[in-house]
Amino acid sequence: MHDNMNRLLAAANTVILGKDRQIRLALCCLLARGHLLIEDIPGVGKTTLAHTLANLLGLNYQRIQFTSDLLPADVLGSSIFDGQTHSFRFQPGPIFHQMVLADEINRSTPKAQSALLEAMEERQVTIEGETRPLPEPFFVIATQNPLTQIGTFPLPESQLDRFLMRIALGYPDSRSERALLKGEERQSMLEKLPACMGAEELRAIQSEVKQVYAAEALLDYLQALIRHTRESGAYQGGLSPRAGLALLNASRAWAFMDRRSAVLPEDVQLVLPSVAGHRLKLTASGALDSQSVVAPLLEEVDIP
């Protein structure tokens, strides 16, 4: 399992240059059975990263381009009349794939965004009164443009909380950008990427991740972090129980990727910005990057 993961990370780094940490966080999110939000300016590789992970994980993949006129039925599907049978039959929408890329999710209205809520939380959708299960494994990777750009609709807190992690790619360093300029077209590289594992192996790894041990003292530390967000007054609202579970699951996945059978406090600290950054708002200042948002937590909460 670990050998296949290492091959996957190495292959992903040949397509997305100079972003090893972000790729590891993205894989960590998927191993923890979470959904991923990538927020950054257009053109830095958000869509390419999602497509790369889908190819390397051997998952069937569908991209949904979110626009202002997108309707929930365009995501979920609808019933159409079949002239041969003289009856209605359900036509599944693009949500019925193992990995769904919600591209530029904040360019659609809240009505269209809400089509993903049940799917992301319960891995099923209810359409015309009938509940339909989604394939396993099921992931949503959404890309989001900065809210300062024209034509964006902020994601509500309930939608943000469904994403286990939020990451940003940022500009490449000078060396990586030179290699990008001189290298092969990314699209042609994606077409040649071999799958490093399949859906069955991915599900097996996710089961292994759940078995990574979290000691009582580690849970004390995690609860202290959560309690600080609720009681310190530094944040407008504290982390929810769902966020606490997300932090624990992501920490377990990070420890598993490092070939350890138990979670360390350092694992919690490494994934904390990506798990908590989009869920917290500082009381005393405006929007900051995720690292700055969680900095008071890391400074003020002692490790047991």
Protein backbone atom coordinates (compact mmCIF):
# COMPACT_ATOMS: atom_id res chain seq x y z
CA MET A 1 0.00 0.00 0.00
CA HIS A 2 2.69 2.48 0.98
CA ASP A 3 4.73 1.69 -2.12
CA ASN A 4 1.75 2.48 -4.33
CA MET A 5 1.16 5.72 -2.42
CA ASN A 6 4.78 6.74 -2.91
CA ARG A 7 4.50 6.02 -6.64
CA LEU A 8 1.32 8.06 -6.75
CA LEU A 9 2.95 11.04 -5.03
CA ALA A 10 6.00 10.85 -7.27
CA ALA A 11 3.83 10.72 -10.40
CA ALA A 12 1.68 13.63 -9.22
CA ASN A 13 4.81 15.71 -8.61
CA THR A 14 5.84 15.28 -12.26
CA VAL A 15 2.60 17.00 -13.32
CA ILE A 16 2.10 19.56 -10.54
CA LEU A 17 5.59 20.95 -10.07
CA GLY A 18 6.95 22.26 -6.77
CA LYS A 19 3.80 21.55 -4.74
CA ASP A 20 4.69 18.38 -2.83
CA ARG A 21 3.10 19.52 0.44
CA GLN A 22 -0.20 20.49 -1.23
CA ILE A 23 -0.34 17.18 -3.09
CA ARG A 24 0.29 15.26 0.16
CA LEU A 25 -2.47 17.23 1.88
CA ALA A 26 -4.88 16.51 -0.98
CA LEU A 27 -4.13 12.78 -0.81
CA CYS A 28 -4.40 12.89 2.99
CA CYS A 29 -7.87 14.41 2.62
CA LEU A 30 -9.02 11.63 0.29
CA LEU A 31 -7.57 8.88 2.49
CA ALA A 32 -9.57 10.36 5.38
CA ARG A 33 -12.74 10.04 3.23
CA GLY A 34 -13.08 13.81 3.05
CA HIS A 35 -13.90 16.36 0.39
CA LEU A 36 -11.35 18.94 -0.75
CA LEU A 37 -11.69 22.65 -1.51
CA ILE A 38 -8.89 24.29 -3.52
CA GLU A 39 -9.04 28.08 -3.39
CA ASP A 40 -6.74 30.15 -5.58
CA ILE A 41 -6.59 32.42 -8.59
CA PRO A 42 -7.26 30.95 -12.06
CA GLY A 43 -4.42 29.23 -13.86
CA VAL A 44 -2.29 27.80 -11.03
CA GLY A 45 -3.27 24.14 -11.55
CA LYS A 46 -6.36 23.53 -9.41
CA THR A 47 -8.25 21.58 -12.07
CA THR A 48 -5.09 19.78 -13.17
CA LEU A 49 -4.48 18.56 -9.61
CA ALA A 50 -8.00 17.11 -9.37
CA HIS A 51 -7.69 15.37 -12.73
CA THR A 52 -4.24 14.04 -11.79
CA LEU A 53 -5.51 12.48 -8.55
CA ALA A 54 -8.50 10.91 -10.34
CA ASN A 55 -6.24 9.29 -12.94
CA LEU A 56 -3.67 8.03 -10.44
CA LEU A 57 -6.34 6.64 -8.08
CA GLY A 58 -8.10 4.84 -10.94
CA LEU A 59 -11.45 6.51 -10.26
CA ASN A 60 -14.12 7.46 -12.77
CA TYR A 61 -14.12 11.22 -12.93
CA GLN A 62 -16.57 13.93 -13.97
CA ARG A 63 -16.10 17.67 -14.13
CA ILE A 64 -19.02 20.03 -13.52
CA GLN A 65 -18.46 23.63 -14.60
CA PHE A 66 -20.38 25.76 -12.11
CA THR A 67 -21.90 28.86 -13.67
CA SER A 68 -24.52 31.39 -12.60
CA ASP A 69 -27.27 29.60 -14.60
CA LEU A 70 -26.53 26.09 -13.30
CA LEU A 71 -29.54 24.31 -11.79
CA PRO A 72 -29.59 21.51 -9.16
CA ALA A 73 -31.00 19.12 -11.79
CA ASP A 74 -27.90 19.75 -13.92
CA VAL A 75 -25.86 18.26 -11.06
CA LEU A 76 -28.16 15.56 -9.69
CA GLY A 77 -30.08 14.42 -12.78
CA SER A 78 -33.78 14.29 -13.61
CA SER A 79 -36.51 12.08 -15.02
CA ILE A 80 -37.09 12.20 -18.76
CA PHE A 81 -39.96 10.77 -20.79
CA ASP A 82 -39.10 7.68 -22.80
CA GLY A 83 -41.19 7.59 -25.96
CA GLN A 84 -40.61 3.86 -26.48
CA THR A 85 -41.82 2.72 -23.07
CA HIS A 86 -44.24 5.66 -22.59
CA SER A 87 -42.89 6.20 -19.10
CA PHE A 88 -40.43 8.38 -17.25
CA ARG A 89 -36.95 7.09 -16.52
CA PHE A 90 -34.29 8.65 -14.35
CA GLN A 91 -31.25 10.09 -16.14
CA PRO A 92 -28.39 10.28 -13.59
CA GLY A 93 -26.49 13.55 -13.39
CA PRO A 94 -22.72 13.98 -13.18
CA ILE A 95 -22.81 13.62 -9.38
CA PHE A 96 -23.00 9.83 -9.90
CA HIS A 97 -19.24 9.40 -10.33
CA GLN A 98 -16.52 8.38 -7.87
CA MET A 99 -14.70 11.69 -8.14
CA VAL A 100 -16.55 14.88 -9.01
CA LEU A 101 -14.76 18.14 -9.76
CA ALA A 102 -16.98 21.10 -8.93
CA ASP A 103 -15.03 23.64 -10.95
CA GLU A 104 -15.33 27.28 -9.84
CA ILE A 105 -18.05 26.32 -7.37
CA ASN A 106 -18.51 29.88 -6.15
CA ARG A 107 -19.48 31.13 -9.62
CA SER A 108 -22.88 29.44 -9.19
CA THR A 109 -25.78 30.59 -7.05
CA PRO A 110 -26.41 29.19 -3.54
CA LYS A 111 -29.32 27.19 -5.01
CA ALA A 112 -26.96 25.25 -7.29
CA GLN A 113 -24.32 24.94 -4.55
CA SER A 114 -26.90 23.36 -2.24
CA ALA A 115 -27.26 20.41 -4.63
CA LEU A 116 -24.00 19.06 -3.17
CA LEU A 117 -24.94 19.26 0.52
CA GLU A 118 -26.64 15.88 0.94
CA ALA A 119 -24.21 14.17 -1.44
CA MET A 120 -21.16 15.35 0.50
CA GLU A 121 -22.53 14.57 3.94
CA GLU A 122 -24.48 11.33 3.41
CA ARG A 123 -23.04 10.05 0.09
CA GLN A 124 -26.54 9.82 -1.33
CA VAL A 125 -28.99 12.14 -3.07
CA THR A 126 -32.76 12.44 -2.81
CA ILE A 127 -34.39 13.22 -6.14
CA GLU A 128 -38.15 13.37 -6.70
CA GLY A 129 -38.73 11.70 -3.34
CA GLU A 130 -36.40 8.75 -3.99
CA THR A 131 -33.05 8.32 -2.25
CA ARG A 132 -30.26 7.06 -4.50
CA PRO A 133 -26.83 5.97 -3.19
CA LEU A 134 -23.67 7.39 -4.74
CA PRO A 135 -20.74 5.20 -5.83
CA GLU A 136 -18.00 4.23 -3.39
CA PRO A 137 -15.56 5.75 -2.93
CA PHE A 138 -17.09 9.18 -3.51
CA PHE A 139 -15.17 12.47 -3.39
CA VAL A 140 -15.91 16.06 -4.28
CA ILE A 141 -12.97 18.26 -5.17
CA ALA A 142 -14.14 21.84 -5.60
CA THR A 143 -12.16 24.78 -6.91
CA GLN A 144 -12.95 28.30 -5.83
CA ASN A 145 -11.82 31.69 -7.09
CA PRO A 146 -10.99 34.45 -4.58
CA LEU A 147 -14.10 36.34 -3.50
CA THR A 148 -12.55 39.59 -4.75
CA GLN A 149 -13.04 38.40 -8.34
CA ILE A 150 -16.10 39.38 -10.38
CA GLY A 151 -19.13 37.08 -10.43
CA THR A 152 -18.54 35.02 -7.29
CA PHE A 153 -21.05 33.93 -4.63
CA PRO A 154 -19.54 33.17 -1.19
CA LEU A 155 -20.04 29.61 0.01
CA PRO A 156 -22.27 29.50 3.12
CA GLU A 157 -20.80 28.12 6.32
CA SER A 158 -22.85 24.92 6.02
CA GLN A 159 -21.26 24.23 2.63
CA LEU A 160 -17.74 25.11 3.78
CA ASP A 161 -18.07 22.78 6.75
CA ARG A 162 -18.66 19.83 4.40
CA PHE A 163 -15.12 20.18 3.08
CA LEU A 164 -12.65 18.35 5.26
CA MET A 165 -9.77 20.50 3.97
CA ARG A 166 -9.11 23.71 2.11
CA ILE A 167 -5.75 24.23 0.43
CA ALA A 168 -4.18 26.82 -1.86
CA LEU A 169 -1.56 26.09 -4.52
CA GLY A 170 -0.02 29.53 -5.04
CA TYR A 171 2.50 30.51 -7.68
CA PRO A 172 5.28 28.04 -8.51
CA ASP A 173 8.85 28.83 -7.50
CA SER A 174 11.23 30.03 -10.21
CA ARG A 175 12.81 26.63 -10.84
CA SER A 176 9.45 24.83 -11.12
CA GLU A 177 8.06 27.51 -13.42
CA ARG A 178 11.06 27.22 -15.74
CA ALA A 179 10.55 23.44 -15.90
CA LEU A 180 6.86 24.06 -16.62
CA LEU A 181 7.69 26.46 -19.47
CA LYS A 182 10.18 24.05 -21.04
CA GLY A 183 8.27 20.84 -20.34
CA GLU A 184 5.52 18.82 -21.94
CA GLU A 185 1.93 20.05 -22.17
CA ARG A 186 0.10 19.13 -18.94
CA GLN A 187 -2.94 17.76 -20.78
CA SER A 188 -0.86 15.28 -22.77
CA MET A 189 0.89 14.22 -19.55
CA LEU A 190 -2.48 13.56 -17.91
CA GLU A 191 -3.53 11.32 -20.78
CA LYS A 192 -0.47 9.12 -20.23
CA LEU A 193 -0.70 8.87 -16.42
CA PRO A 194 -1.10 5.25 -15.29
CA ALA A 195 -3.30 4.38 -12.33
CA CYS A 196 -1.20 3.59 -9.24
CA MET A 197 -4.09 1.95 -7.41
CA GLY A 198 -7.77 1.17 -7.89
CA ALA A 199 -10.98 1.83 -6.03
CA GLU A 200 -10.74 -1.44 -4.07
CA GLU A 201 -7.22 -0.71 -2.82
CA LEU A 202 -8.22 2.85 -1.96
CA ARG A 203 -11.11 1.57 0.16
CA ALA A 204 -8.73 -0.86 1.88
CA ILE A 205 -6.34 2.00 2.70
CA GLN A 206 -9.21 4.08 4.08
CA SER A 207 -10.08 1.18 6.38
CA GLU A 208 -6.44 1.00 7.52
CA VAL A 209 -6.44 4.74 8.24
CA LYS A 210 -9.37 4.31 10.63
CA GLN A 211 -7.26 1.85 12.67
CA VAL A 212 -4.41 4.31 13.30
CA TYR A 213 -4.20 4.67 17.08
CA ALA A 214 -5.02 7.94 18.84
CA ALA A 215 -3.95 7.91 22.50
CA GLU A 216 -6.02 9.49 25.26
CA ALA A 217 -3.43 12.24 25.65
CA LEU A 218 -3.67 12.97 21.91
CA LEU A 219 -7.46 13.24 22.19
CA ASP A 220 -6.97 15.58 25.19
CA TYR A 221 -4.83 17.84 22.98
CA LEU A 222 -7.35 17.75 20.16
CA GLN A 223 -10.20 18.61 22.53
CA ALA A 224 -8.16 21.42 24.07
CA LEU A 225 -7.70 22.94 20.59
CA ILE A 226 -11.42 22.70 19.88
CA ARG A 227 -12.36 24.10 23.30
CA HIS A 228 -10.00 27.05 22.82
CA THR A 229 -11.76 28.05 19.59
CA ARG A 230 -15.08 28.11 21.45
CA GLU A 231 -14.08 29.75 24.74
CA SER A 232 -11.13 32.05 24.11
CA GLY A 233 -13.07 34.81 22.36
CA ALA A 234 -10.44 34.95 19.63
CA TYR A 235 -12.85 33.50 17.06
CA GLN A 236 -16.33 34.49 15.93
CA GLY A 237 -17.45 30.87 16.27
CA GLY A 238 -15.75 27.70 17.46
CA LEU A 239 -15.07 24.43 15.69
CA SER A 240 -18.05 22.08 15.41
CA PRO A 241 -18.07 18.39 16.38
CA ARG A 242 -17.86 17.60 12.65
CA ALA A 243 -14.70 19.70 12.46
CA GLY A 244 -13.23 17.80 15.43
CA LEU A 245 -13.83 14.48 13.69
CA ALA A 246 -12.34 15.89 10.50
CA LEU A 247 -9.22 16.96 12.39
CA LEU A 248 -8.82 13.51 13.95
CA ASN A 249 -9.38 11.68 10.65
CA ALA A 250 -6.95 13.92 8.78
CA SER A 251 -4.32 13.43 11.52
CA ARG A 252 -4.73 9.66 11.28
CA ALA A 253 -4.33 9.80 7.49
CA TRP A 254 -1.18 11.93 7.77
CA ALA A 255 0.33 9.51 10.30
CA PHE A 256 -0.54 6.58 7.99
CA MET A 257 1.19 8.29 5.08
CA ASP A 258 4.28 8.61 7.28
CA ARG A 259 4.12 4.84 7.97
CA ARG A 260 3.20 5.26 11.64
CA SER A 261 0.57 3.31 13.54
CA ALA A 262 -0.20 6.10 16.03
CA VAL A 263 -1.02 9.79 15.75
CA LEU A 264 1.45 12.36 17.11
CA PRO A 265 0.64 15.94 18.13
CA GLU A 266 2.81 17.05 15.20
CA ASP A 267 0.35 15.35 12.84
CA VAL A 268 -2.50 17.39 14.30
CA GLN A 269 -0.47 20.59 13.95
CA LEU A 270 0.46 19.85 10.33
CA VAL A 271 -3.11 19.34 9.14
CA LEU A 272 -4.74 21.93 11.43
CA PRO A 273 -4.43 24.94 9.05
CA SER A 274 -6.05 23.04 6.17
CA VAL A 275 -8.82 21.57 8.34
CA ALA A 276 -9.66 24.60 10.49
CA GLY A 277 -8.61 27.58 8.36
CA HIS A 278 -11.86 27.77 6.38
CA ARG A 279 -14.03 27.09 9.43
CA LEU A 280 -12.69 29.85 11.71
CA LYS A 281 -12.78 33.64 11.58
CA LEU A 282 -10.70 35.75 13.91
CA THR A 283 -12.69 38.25 15.96
CA ALA A 284 -10.12 41.04 15.85
CA SER A 285 -9.15 41.07 12.16
CA GLY A 286 -10.35 40.45 8.64
CA ALA A 287 -9.71 37.52 6.33
CA LEU A 288 -6.28 35.96 6.69
CA ASP A 289 -4.57 32.90 5.30
CA SER A 290 -5.21 29.60 7.06
CA GLN A 291 -1.83 29.54 8.80
CA SER A 292 -2.45 32.95 10.39
CA VAL A 293 -5.95 31.97 11.48
CA VAL A 294 -4.75 28.93 13.46
CA ALA A 295 -1.53 30.52 14.76
CA PRO A 296 -3.14 31.55 18.10
CA LEU A 297 -4.24 27.97 18.63
CA LEU A 298 -0.77 26.55 18.15
CA GLU A 299 0.77 29.22 20.38
CA GLU A 300 -1.69 29.20 23.27
CA VAL A 301 -2.73 25.53 23.60
CA ASP A 302 -0.05 23.38 25.21
CA ILE A 303 0.59 19.79 24.22
CA PRO A 304 -0.31 17.53 27.19
